[in-house]
Amino acid sequence: MSMEFLLASGIGWVVAVGIYLLLRGRTYPVVLGLSLIGYAVNVFIFTMGRLWMGAPPILEPGKVLADPLPQALVLTAIVIGFATTGFIIELALRSRHENDSDQVDGKADRETGSGA
């Protein structure tokens, strides 16, 4: 089994769990699902940039160069993802306060009939 297969299947499992959590009816699993998908995308971008051992990111004639763009993209995505997650949590808390329900659609549970 190769490392590429293990990494690809790991990213696939994280995306699958993120999609499963996104399809849940409560707000907290939706936030977790969005975060997991964001992490999977970050790892995917990082692995597509390849790991260069001993390669300088600065131009030197005749040497193999490391590409710093994937690291910059992932760092930017981490910052944006953190801000977006904070905003989504605030929206979930506001929805819970206004609707008295933790459901994504704002309706009460079907099983218990309560909103909590």
N, C-alpha and C. Protein backbone atom coordinates (compact mmCIF):
# COMPACT_ATOMS: atom_id res chain seq x y z
N MET A 1 0.85 -1.17 0.00
CA MET A 1 0.00 0.00 0.00
C MET A 1 0.90 1.24 0.00
N SER A 2 0.63 2.15 -0.89
CA SER A 2 1.49 3.32 -1.02
C SER A 2 1.01 4.46 -0.12
N MET A 3 1.92 5.39 0.11
CA MET A 3 1.59 6.54 0.94
C MET A 3 0.55 7.42 0.26
N GLU A 4 0.59 7.50 -1.08
CA GLU A 4 -0.39 8.30 -1.80
C GLU A 4 -1.80 7.76 -1.59
N PHE A 5 -1.92 6.42 -1.61
CA PHE A 5 -3.23 5.81 -1.39
C PHE A 5 -3.73 6.08 0.02
N LEU A 6 -2.84 5.95 1.00
CA LEU A 6 -3.24 6.21 2.39
C LEU A 6 -3.67 7.66 2.59
N LEU A 7 -2.92 8.58 2.01
CA LEU A 7 -3.26 9.99 2.15
C LEU A 7 -4.56 10.32 1.44
N ALA A 8 -4.75 9.79 0.24
CA ALA A 8 -5.99 10.05 -0.50
C ALA A 8 -7.19 9.44 0.21
N SER A 9 -7.04 8.23 0.75
CA SER A 9 -8.18 7.62 1.46
C SER A 9 -8.45 8.34 2.78
N GLY A 10 -7.41 8.84 3.43
CA GLY A 10 -7.62 9.63 4.65
C GLY A 10 -8.37 10.91 4.37
N ILE A 11 -7.98 11.61 3.31
CA ILE A 11 -8.70 12.83 2.93
C ILE A 11 -10.13 12.50 2.54
N GLY A 12 -10.32 11.39 1.83
CA GLY A 12 -11.68 10.97 1.45
C GLY A 12 -12.56 10.68 2.66
N TRP A 13 -11.99 10.01 3.67
CA TRP A 13 -12.76 9.72 4.89
C TRP A 13 -13.13 11.00 5.64
N VAL A 14 -12.21 11.94 5.71
CA VAL A 14 -12.51 13.20 6.40
C VAL A 14 -13.61 13.96 5.66
N VAL A 15 -13.56 13.96 4.33
CA VAL A 15 -14.62 14.61 3.55
C VAL A 15 -15.95 13.89 3.74
N ALA A 16 -15.92 12.55 3.76
CA ALA A 16 -17.15 11.78 3.95
C ALA A 16 -17.78 12.07 5.32
N VAL A 17 -16.97 12.12 6.35
CA VAL A 17 -17.49 12.43 7.69
C VAL A 17 -18.01 13.86 7.72
N GLY A 18 -17.31 14.78 7.06
CA GLY A 18 -17.78 16.17 7.00
C GLY A 18 -19.12 16.29 6.29
N ILE A 19 -19.30 15.57 5.20
CA ILE A 19 -20.59 15.61 4.49
C ILE A 19 -21.68 14.99 5.34
N TYR A 20 -21.37 13.88 6.04
CA TYR A 20 -22.35 13.26 6.93
C TYR A 20 -22.80 14.25 8.01
N LEU A 21 -21.84 14.95 8.59
CA LEU A 21 -22.19 15.92 9.63
C LEU A 21 -22.95 17.12 9.07
N LEU A 22 -22.65 17.50 7.83
CA LEU A 22 -23.39 18.59 7.21
C LEU A 22 -24.87 18.24 7.01
N LEU A 23 -25.14 16.98 6.80
CA LEU A 23 -26.52 16.55 6.54
C LEU A 23 -27.32 16.32 7.82
N ARG A 24 -26.70 16.49 8.97
CA ARG A 24 -27.42 16.35 10.23
C ARG A 24 -28.37 17.54 10.42
N GLY A 25 -29.31 17.42 11.31
CA GLY A 25 -30.30 18.47 11.48
C GLY A 25 -29.97 19.52 12.52
N ARG A 26 -28.91 19.32 13.27
CA ARG A 26 -28.53 20.25 14.32
C ARG A 26 -27.43 21.19 13.85
N THR A 27 -27.31 22.33 14.52
CA THR A 27 -26.34 23.33 14.07
C THR A 27 -24.91 22.96 14.42
N TYR A 28 -24.66 22.37 15.59
CA TYR A 28 -23.29 22.05 15.97
C TYR A 28 -22.64 21.03 15.04
N PRO A 29 -23.32 19.93 14.68
CA PRO A 29 -22.69 19.02 13.70
C PRO A 29 -22.46 19.68 12.34
N VAL A 30 -23.30 20.61 11.96
CA VAL A 30 -23.09 21.32 10.68
C VAL A 30 -21.81 22.13 10.74
N VAL A 31 -21.57 22.81 11.86
CA VAL A 31 -20.34 23.59 12.02
C VAL A 31 -19.13 22.66 12.00
N LEU A 32 -19.22 21.52 12.70
CA LEU A 32 -18.12 20.55 12.68
C LEU A 32 -17.88 20.00 11.27
N GLY A 33 -18.95 19.72 10.53
CA GLY A 33 -18.82 19.22 9.17
C GLY A 33 -18.13 20.21 8.25
N LEU A 34 -18.51 21.48 8.37
CA LEU A 34 -17.84 22.51 7.56
C LEU A 34 -16.37 22.63 7.92
N SER A 35 -16.06 22.53 9.20
CA SER A 35 -14.66 22.60 9.62
C SER A 35 -13.86 21.41 9.09
N LEU A 36 -14.44 20.21 9.16
CA LEU A 36 -13.73 19.04 8.66
C LEU A 36 -13.49 19.12 7.16
N ILE A 37 -14.46 19.59 6.42
CA ILE A 37 -14.26 19.73 4.98
C ILE A 37 -13.18 20.77 4.70
N GLY A 38 -13.16 21.85 5.47
CA GLY A 38 -12.11 22.85 5.32
C GLY A 38 -10.73 22.27 5.60
N TYR A 39 -10.62 21.43 6.65
CA TYR A 39 -9.35 20.79 6.96
C TYR A 39 -8.92 19.85 5.84
N ALA A 40 -9.88 19.11 5.29
CA ALA A 40 -9.55 18.18 4.21
C ALA A 40 -9.07 18.93 2.97
N VAL A 41 -9.69 20.04 2.67
CA VAL A 41 -9.25 20.84 1.51
C VAL A 41 -7.85 21.39 1.75
N ASN A 42 -7.57 21.84 2.98
CA ASN A 42 -6.24 22.35 3.30
C ASN A 42 -5.17 21.27 3.14
N VAL A 43 -5.44 20.07 3.63
CA VAL A 43 -4.48 18.98 3.49
C VAL A 43 -4.31 18.61 2.01
N PHE A 44 -5.41 18.63 1.25
CA PHE A 44 -5.33 18.34 -0.18
C PHE A 44 -4.45 19.35 -0.90
N ILE A 45 -4.66 20.63 -0.63
CA ILE A 45 -3.84 21.67 -1.27
C ILE A 45 -2.38 21.51 -0.87
N PHE A 46 -2.16 21.23 0.40
CA PHE A 46 -0.79 21.09 0.89
C PHE A 46 -0.08 19.90 0.25
N THR A 47 -0.79 18.79 0.09
CA THR A 47 -0.16 17.62 -0.52
C THR A 47 0.04 17.78 -2.02
N MET A 48 -0.77 18.57 -2.67
CA MET A 48 -0.59 18.78 -4.10
C MET A 48 0.64 19.64 -4.38
N GLY A 49 1.12 20.36 -3.37
CA GLY A 49 2.32 21.17 -3.55
C GLY A 49 3.59 20.37 -3.45
N ARG A 50 3.52 19.10 -3.05
CA ARG A 50 4.64 18.18 -2.90
C ARG A 50 5.63 18.69 -1.86
N LEU A 51 6.30 17.76 -1.25
CA LEU A 51 7.30 18.08 -0.24
C LEU A 51 8.68 17.96 -0.86
N TRP A 52 9.38 19.03 -0.85
CA TRP A 52 10.74 19.04 -1.40
C TRP A 52 11.72 19.08 -0.25
N MET A 53 12.59 18.10 -0.18
CA MET A 53 13.59 18.04 0.88
C MET A 53 14.86 18.77 0.43
N GLY A 54 15.26 19.76 1.19
CA GLY A 54 16.50 20.47 0.92
C GLY A 54 16.44 21.42 -0.26
N ALA A 55 15.26 21.71 -0.77
CA ALA A 55 15.14 22.63 -1.90
C ALA A 55 14.83 24.03 -1.38
N PRO A 56 15.59 25.02 -1.82
CA PRO A 56 15.34 26.38 -1.33
C PRO A 56 14.12 27.00 -2.03
N PRO A 57 13.36 27.82 -1.30
CA PRO A 57 12.24 28.50 -1.94
C PRO A 57 12.66 29.75 -2.70
N ILE A 58 13.93 30.08 -2.63
CA ILE A 58 14.45 31.27 -3.30
C ILE A 58 15.25 30.82 -4.52
N LEU A 59 15.19 31.61 -5.56
CA LEU A 59 15.81 31.25 -6.82
C LEU A 59 17.33 31.17 -6.72
N GLU A 60 17.83 30.01 -7.05
CA GLU A 60 19.28 29.81 -7.18
C GLU A 60 19.49 29.06 -8.49
N PRO A 61 20.42 29.50 -9.29
CA PRO A 61 20.61 28.85 -10.59
C PRO A 61 21.07 27.41 -10.45
N GLY A 62 20.40 26.54 -11.22
CA GLY A 62 20.80 25.15 -11.31
C GLY A 62 20.28 24.25 -10.21
N LYS A 63 19.45 24.72 -9.30
CA LYS A 63 18.93 23.89 -8.22
C LYS A 63 17.42 23.69 -8.38
N VAL A 64 16.94 22.62 -7.74
CA VAL A 64 15.49 22.37 -7.70
C VAL A 64 14.88 23.35 -6.71
N LEU A 65 13.78 23.96 -7.10
CA LEU A 65 13.14 24.97 -6.25
C LEU A 65 11.88 24.42 -5.62
N ALA A 66 11.67 24.75 -4.37
CA ALA A 66 10.43 24.41 -3.69
C ALA A 66 9.39 25.48 -4.01
N ASP A 67 8.15 25.05 -4.16
CA ASP A 67 7.08 25.99 -4.48
C ASP A 67 6.42 26.47 -3.19
N PRO A 68 6.56 27.74 -2.83
CA PRO A 68 5.97 28.23 -1.59
C PRO A 68 4.48 28.57 -1.71
N LEU A 69 3.93 28.49 -2.92
CA LEU A 69 2.53 28.88 -3.10
C LEU A 69 1.53 27.99 -2.33
N PRO A 70 1.65 26.66 -2.32
CA PRO A 70 0.69 25.86 -1.54
C PRO A 70 0.71 26.18 -0.05
N GLN A 71 1.88 26.42 0.52
CA GLN A 71 1.94 26.78 1.93
C GLN A 71 1.27 28.12 2.19
N ALA A 72 1.46 29.07 1.29
CA ALA A 72 0.81 30.38 1.44
C ALA A 72 -0.70 30.26 1.31
N LEU A 73 -1.16 29.43 0.37
CA LEU A 73 -2.60 29.23 0.20
C LEU A 73 -3.22 28.57 1.43
N VAL A 74 -2.55 27.57 1.98
CA VAL A 74 -3.08 26.87 3.15
C VAL A 74 -3.08 27.80 4.36
N LEU A 75 -2.05 28.58 4.54
CA LEU A 75 -2.02 29.52 5.66
C LEU A 75 -3.15 30.54 5.55
N THR A 76 -3.38 31.05 4.36
CA THR A 76 -4.49 31.98 4.15
C THR A 76 -5.83 31.29 4.38
N ALA A 77 -5.96 30.05 3.93
CA ALA A 77 -7.21 29.31 4.11
C ALA A 77 -7.47 29.01 5.58
N ILE A 78 -6.44 28.77 6.36
CA ILE A 78 -6.62 28.54 7.80
C ILE A 78 -7.18 29.79 8.47
N VAL A 79 -6.63 30.94 8.15
CA VAL A 79 -7.10 32.19 8.75
C VAL A 79 -8.54 32.48 8.33
N ILE A 80 -8.84 32.34 7.05
CA ILE A 80 -10.19 32.59 6.57
C ILE A 80 -11.17 31.57 7.16
N GLY A 81 -10.76 30.30 7.24
CA GLY A 81 -11.61 29.26 7.82
C GLY A 81 -11.92 29.52 9.28
N PHE A 82 -10.94 30.02 10.04
CA PHE A 82 -11.17 30.34 11.44
C PHE A 82 -12.20 31.46 11.58
N ALA A 83 -12.06 32.49 10.77
CA ALA A 83 -13.01 33.60 10.82
C ALA A 83 -14.40 33.16 10.39
N THR A 84 -14.48 32.34 9.36
CA THR A 84 -15.77 31.85 8.88
C THR A 84 -16.43 30.95 9.91
N THR A 85 -15.65 30.11 10.58
CA THR A 85 -16.20 29.24 11.62
C THR A 85 -16.76 30.07 12.78
N GLY A 86 -16.04 31.10 13.17
CA GLY A 86 -16.56 31.99 14.21
C GLY A 86 -17.86 32.66 13.80
N PHE A 87 -17.95 33.08 12.55
CA PHE A 87 -19.17 33.70 12.06
C PHE A 87 -20.33 32.71 12.02
N ILE A 88 -20.06 31.48 11.59
CA ILE A 88 -21.12 30.46 11.53
C ILE A 88 -21.60 30.09 12.94
N ILE A 89 -20.67 30.03 13.90
CA ILE A 89 -21.08 29.75 15.28
C ILE A 89 -21.96 30.87 15.81
N GLU A 90 -21.61 32.11 15.50
CA GLU A 90 -22.45 33.23 15.92
C GLU A 90 -23.83 33.16 15.28
N LEU A 91 -23.91 32.80 14.01
CA LEU A 91 -25.21 32.65 13.36
C LEU A 91 -26.03 31.52 14.00
N ALA A 92 -25.37 30.43 14.36
CA ALA A 92 -26.07 29.31 15.01
C ALA A 92 -26.59 29.71 16.38
N LEU A 93 -25.78 30.45 17.13
CA LEU A 93 -26.24 30.91 18.45
C LEU A 93 -27.41 31.88 18.32
N ARG A 94 -27.33 32.75 17.34
CA ARG A 94 -28.43 33.70 17.12
C ARG A 94 -29.71 32.98 16.71
N SER A 95 -29.59 31.99 15.85
CA SER A 95 -30.75 31.21 15.42
C SER A 95 -31.34 30.44 16.60
N ARG A 96 -30.49 29.89 17.45
CA ARG A 96 -30.97 29.17 18.63
C ARG A 96 -31.72 30.12 19.57
N HIS A 97 -31.21 31.33 19.72
CA HIS A 97 -31.86 32.30 20.60
C HIS A 97 -33.21 32.76 20.05
N GLU A 98 -33.27 33.01 18.76
CA GLU A 98 -34.51 33.54 18.18
C GLU A 98 -35.57 32.47 17.96
N ASN A 99 -35.17 31.24 17.63
CA ASN A 99 -36.14 30.20 17.29
C ASN A 99 -36.39 29.21 18.42
N ASP A 100 -35.62 29.29 19.49
CA ASP A 100 -35.69 28.31 20.58
C ASP A 100 -35.53 26.89 20.06
N SER A 101 -34.70 26.73 19.06
CA SER A 101 -34.49 25.41 18.46
C SER A 101 -33.05 25.30 17.99
N ASP A 102 -32.51 24.10 18.09
CA ASP A 102 -31.16 23.83 17.62
C ASP A 102 -31.17 23.27 16.19
N GLN A 103 -32.35 23.11 15.63
CA GLN A 103 -32.47 22.55 14.28
C GLN A 103 -32.02 23.58 13.24
N VAL A 104 -31.44 23.08 12.16
CA VAL A 104 -30.96 23.96 11.11
C VAL A 104 -32.11 24.71 10.44
N ASP A 105 -33.26 24.03 10.25
CA ASP A 105 -34.39 24.68 9.61
C ASP A 105 -35.24 25.48 10.58
N GLY A 106 -34.91 25.49 11.87
CA GLY A 106 -35.62 26.29 12.86
C GLY A 106 -36.87 25.64 13.39
N LYS A 107 -37.18 24.42 12.99
CA LYS A 107 -38.38 23.72 13.47
C LYS A 107 -38.02 22.82 14.65
N ALA A 108 -39.01 22.51 15.46
CA ALA A 108 -38.79 21.66 16.63
C ALA A 108 -38.53 20.22 16.22
N ASP A 109 -37.96 19.44 17.14
CA ASP A 109 -37.74 18.01 16.90
C ASP A 109 -39.05 17.31 16.64
N ARG A 110 -39.00 16.33 15.75
CA ARG A 110 -40.21 15.55 15.47
C ARG A 110 -40.45 14.52 16.56
N GLU A 111 -39.35 13.97 17.14
CA GLU A 111 -39.52 12.90 18.13
C GLU A 111 -40.05 13.43 19.45
N THR A 112 -39.42 14.49 19.95
CA THR A 112 -39.76 14.97 21.29
C THR A 112 -40.78 16.09 21.28
N GLY A 113 -40.85 16.81 20.19
CA GLY A 113 -41.78 17.92 20.12
C GLY A 113 -41.26 19.18 20.76
N SER A 114 -40.05 19.12 21.31
CA SER A 114 -39.49 20.31 21.94
C SER A 114 -38.43 20.91 21.04
N GLY A 115 -38.09 22.15 21.31
CA GLY A 115 -37.10 22.83 20.50
C GLY A 115 -35.70 22.70 21.06
N ALA A 116 -35.54 22.24 22.29
CA ALA A 116 -34.21 22.20 22.91
C ALA A 116 -33.49 20.91 22.66
